[in-house]
N, C-alpha and C. Protein backbone atom coordinates (compact mmCIF):
# COMPACT_ATOMS: atom_id res chain seq x y z
N UNK A 1 12.64 22.14 -7.49
CA UNK A 1 11.54 22.36 -6.58
C UNK A 1 11.20 21.05 -5.87
N UNK A 2 11.13 21.08 -4.57
CA UNK A 2 10.85 19.89 -3.78
C UNK A 2 9.37 19.53 -3.85
N UNK A 3 9.12 18.22 -3.86
CA UNK A 3 7.73 17.75 -3.85
C UNK A 3 7.16 17.96 -2.46
N UNK A 4 5.87 18.27 -2.41
CA UNK A 4 5.18 18.43 -1.13
C UNK A 4 4.03 17.43 -1.08
N UNK A 5 3.78 16.96 0.12
CA UNK A 5 2.70 16.00 0.34
C UNK A 5 1.42 16.75 0.65
N UNK A 6 0.38 16.47 -0.13
CA UNK A 6 -0.94 17.06 0.07
C UNK A 6 -1.98 15.95 0.03
N UNK A 7 -3.10 16.17 0.73
CA UNK A 7 -4.25 15.29 0.58
C UNK A 7 -4.91 15.62 -0.74
N UNK A 8 -5.37 14.62 -1.44
CA UNK A 8 -6.04 14.84 -2.72
C UNK A 8 -7.45 15.36 -2.50
N UNK A 9 -7.83 16.35 -3.29
CA UNK A 9 -9.21 16.83 -3.25
C UNK A 9 -10.00 16.31 -4.45
N UNK A 10 -9.31 15.66 -5.39
CA UNK A 10 -9.97 15.17 -6.59
C UNK A 10 -10.29 13.68 -6.52
N UNK A 11 -9.35 12.87 -6.02
CA UNK A 11 -9.50 11.42 -6.04
C UNK A 11 -9.81 10.84 -4.67
N UNK A 12 -10.32 11.63 -3.77
CA UNK A 12 -10.52 11.13 -2.41
C UNK A 12 -11.75 10.24 -2.30
N UNK A 13 -11.65 9.27 -1.39
CA UNK A 13 -12.81 8.43 -1.05
C UNK A 13 -13.31 8.83 0.33
N UNK A 14 -12.37 9.10 1.22
CA UNK A 14 -12.73 9.52 2.57
C UNK A 14 -12.08 10.87 2.83
N UNK A 15 -10.80 10.87 3.12
CA UNK A 15 -10.11 12.13 3.42
C UNK A 15 -9.09 12.53 2.38
N UNK A 16 -8.77 11.65 1.45
CA UNK A 16 -7.80 11.96 0.41
C UNK A 16 -6.37 11.62 0.78
N UNK A 17 -6.16 10.95 1.93
CA UNK A 17 -4.81 10.64 2.38
C UNK A 17 -4.14 9.62 1.46
N UNK A 18 -4.79 8.53 1.15
CA UNK A 18 -4.19 7.50 0.29
C UNK A 18 -3.94 8.05 -1.11
N UNK A 19 -4.86 8.83 -1.63
CA UNK A 19 -4.67 9.42 -2.96
C UNK A 19 -3.51 10.40 -2.94
N UNK A 20 -3.37 11.15 -1.87
CA UNK A 20 -2.24 12.07 -1.75
C UNK A 20 -0.92 11.34 -1.67
N UNK A 21 -0.88 10.25 -0.90
CA UNK A 21 0.34 9.45 -0.81
C UNK A 21 0.68 8.82 -2.16
N UNK A 22 -0.33 8.34 -2.87
CA UNK A 22 -0.11 7.75 -4.19
C UNK A 22 0.45 8.78 -5.16
N UNK A 23 -0.07 9.98 -5.11
CA UNK A 23 0.42 11.04 -5.99
C UNK A 23 1.85 11.42 -5.63
N UNK A 24 2.16 11.49 -4.35
CA UNK A 24 3.49 11.87 -3.89
C UNK A 24 4.54 10.83 -4.31
N UNK A 25 4.21 9.54 -4.15
CA UNK A 25 5.15 8.47 -4.48
C UNK A 25 5.00 7.97 -5.91
N UNK A 26 4.14 8.62 -6.71
CA UNK A 26 3.91 8.27 -8.11
C UNK A 26 3.50 6.80 -8.26
N UNK A 27 2.49 6.41 -7.48
CA UNK A 27 1.93 5.06 -7.52
C UNK A 27 0.46 5.12 -7.89
N UNK A 28 -0.08 3.97 -8.24
CA UNK A 28 -1.51 3.89 -8.52
C UNK A 28 -2.28 4.00 -7.21
N UNK A 29 -3.30 4.82 -7.19
CA UNK A 29 -4.07 5.05 -5.97
C UNK A 29 -4.73 3.77 -5.47
N UNK A 30 -5.16 2.90 -6.36
CA UNK A 30 -5.78 1.63 -5.95
C UNK A 30 -4.78 0.75 -5.21
N UNK A 31 -3.53 0.75 -5.65
CA UNK A 31 -2.49 -0.03 -5.00
C UNK A 31 -2.24 0.49 -3.58
N UNK A 32 -2.18 1.79 -3.42
CA UNK A 32 -1.96 2.37 -2.09
C UNK A 32 -3.13 2.04 -1.18
N UNK A 33 -4.34 2.11 -1.69
CA UNK A 33 -5.52 1.78 -0.88
C UNK A 33 -5.52 0.32 -0.46
N UNK A 34 -5.14 -0.58 -1.39
CA UNK A 34 -5.07 -2.00 -1.05
C UNK A 34 -4.01 -2.28 0.00
N UNK A 35 -2.85 -1.64 -0.12
CA UNK A 35 -1.79 -1.79 0.87
C UNK A 35 -2.28 -1.29 2.23
N UNK A 36 -2.94 -0.14 2.23
CA UNK A 36 -3.44 0.42 3.48
C UNK A 36 -4.45 -0.51 4.14
N UNK A 37 -5.39 -1.03 3.38
CA UNK A 37 -6.40 -1.94 3.94
C UNK A 37 -5.74 -3.22 4.43
N UNK A 38 -4.77 -3.76 3.68
CA UNK A 38 -4.07 -4.96 4.11
C UNK A 38 -3.33 -4.75 5.42
N UNK A 39 -2.62 -3.63 5.53
CA UNK A 39 -1.93 -3.32 6.78
C UNK A 39 -2.90 -3.11 7.93
N UNK A 40 -4.03 -2.48 7.63
CA UNK A 40 -5.03 -2.25 8.67
C UNK A 40 -5.58 -3.58 9.19
N UNK A 41 -5.81 -4.53 8.30
CA UNK A 41 -6.32 -5.83 8.72
C UNK A 41 -5.28 -6.62 9.51
N UNK A 42 -4.01 -6.49 9.10
CA UNK A 42 -2.94 -7.20 9.81
C UNK A 42 -2.66 -6.63 11.19
N UNK A 43 -2.93 -5.35 11.38
CA UNK A 43 -2.64 -4.72 12.66
C UNK A 43 -3.90 -4.53 13.50
N UNK A 44 -4.93 -5.25 13.21
CA UNK A 44 -6.19 -5.21 13.96
C UNK A 44 -6.87 -3.85 13.88
N UNK A 45 -6.73 -3.16 12.79
CA UNK A 45 -7.42 -1.91 12.44
C UNK A 45 -7.03 -0.67 13.24
N UNK A 46 -6.84 -0.77 14.53
CA UNK A 46 -6.65 0.43 15.35
C UNK A 46 -5.42 1.27 14.97
N UNK A 47 -4.23 0.69 14.84
CA UNK A 47 -3.07 1.55 14.51
C UNK A 47 -3.22 2.27 13.17
N UNK A 48 -3.68 1.58 12.15
CA UNK A 48 -3.80 2.21 10.84
C UNK A 48 -4.94 3.23 10.82
N UNK A 49 -5.99 2.96 11.57
CA UNK A 49 -7.09 3.93 11.67
C UNK A 49 -6.60 5.20 12.34
N UNK A 50 -5.83 5.06 13.41
CA UNK A 50 -5.26 6.23 14.08
C UNK A 50 -4.30 6.97 13.15
N UNK A 51 -3.47 6.22 12.41
CA UNK A 51 -2.56 6.85 11.45
C UNK A 51 -3.35 7.66 10.43
N UNK A 52 -4.41 7.07 9.89
CA UNK A 52 -5.20 7.76 8.87
C UNK A 52 -5.83 9.04 9.43
N UNK A 53 -6.40 8.95 10.62
CA UNK A 53 -7.04 10.12 11.21
C UNK A 53 -6.03 11.23 11.50
N UNK A 54 -4.87 10.86 12.01
CA UNK A 54 -3.83 11.86 12.28
C UNK A 54 -3.32 12.47 10.97
N UNK A 55 -3.10 11.62 9.96
CA UNK A 55 -2.65 12.12 8.66
C UNK A 55 -3.69 13.05 8.05
N UNK A 56 -4.96 12.73 8.21
CA UNK A 56 -6.05 13.55 7.69
C UNK A 56 -6.00 14.95 8.31
N UNK A 57 -5.66 15.01 9.59
CA UNK A 57 -5.58 16.30 10.28
C UNK A 57 -4.30 17.06 9.96
N UNK A 58 -3.19 16.35 9.77
CA UNK A 58 -1.87 16.98 9.63
C UNK A 58 -1.55 17.37 8.20
N UNK A 59 -1.88 16.52 7.24
CA UNK A 59 -1.53 16.77 5.84
C UNK A 59 -2.51 17.80 5.26
N UNK A 60 -2.00 18.89 4.71
CA UNK A 60 -2.91 19.91 4.16
C UNK A 60 -3.54 19.45 2.85
N UNK A 61 -4.74 19.95 2.54
CA UNK A 61 -5.35 19.62 1.25
C UNK A 61 -4.58 20.26 0.11
N UNK A 62 -4.67 19.66 -1.06
CA UNK A 62 -3.96 20.21 -2.21
C UNK A 62 -4.51 21.60 -2.54
N UNK A 63 -3.63 22.50 -2.92
CA UNK A 63 -4.08 23.85 -3.25
C UNK A 63 -4.95 23.84 -4.51
N UNK A 64 -5.94 24.69 -4.51
CA UNK A 64 -6.84 24.80 -5.66
C UNK A 64 -6.22 25.79 -6.64
N UNK A 65 -6.06 25.34 -7.87
CA UNK A 65 -5.51 26.22 -8.91
C UNK A 65 -6.67 26.84 -9.67
N UNK A 66 -6.91 28.11 -9.43
CA UNK A 66 -7.99 28.81 -10.09
C UNK A 66 -7.44 29.58 -11.30
N UNK A 67 -8.11 29.48 -12.44
CA UNK A 67 -7.66 30.27 -13.58
C UNK A 67 -7.83 31.78 -13.31
N UNK A 68 -6.86 32.52 -13.74
CA UNK A 68 -6.90 33.97 -13.52
C UNK A 68 -7.89 34.62 -14.47
N UNK A 69 -8.62 35.60 -13.97
CA UNK A 69 -9.63 36.28 -14.80
C UNK A 69 -9.03 37.43 -15.53
């Protein structure tokens, strides 16, 4: 079964994009957030902000697993 990229609904701070990427690549969410902030600062914020907003719109939220009654 292929892995799918989803935004996190559990570990999100803003939109869940970094948490979703961390889950997909099996990395620590704090590390992904630090990398994202570092890249945003190096690129004068605008490109990474646009990337985040587009990813927030394009990447679907993780499916909710409801227990069956």
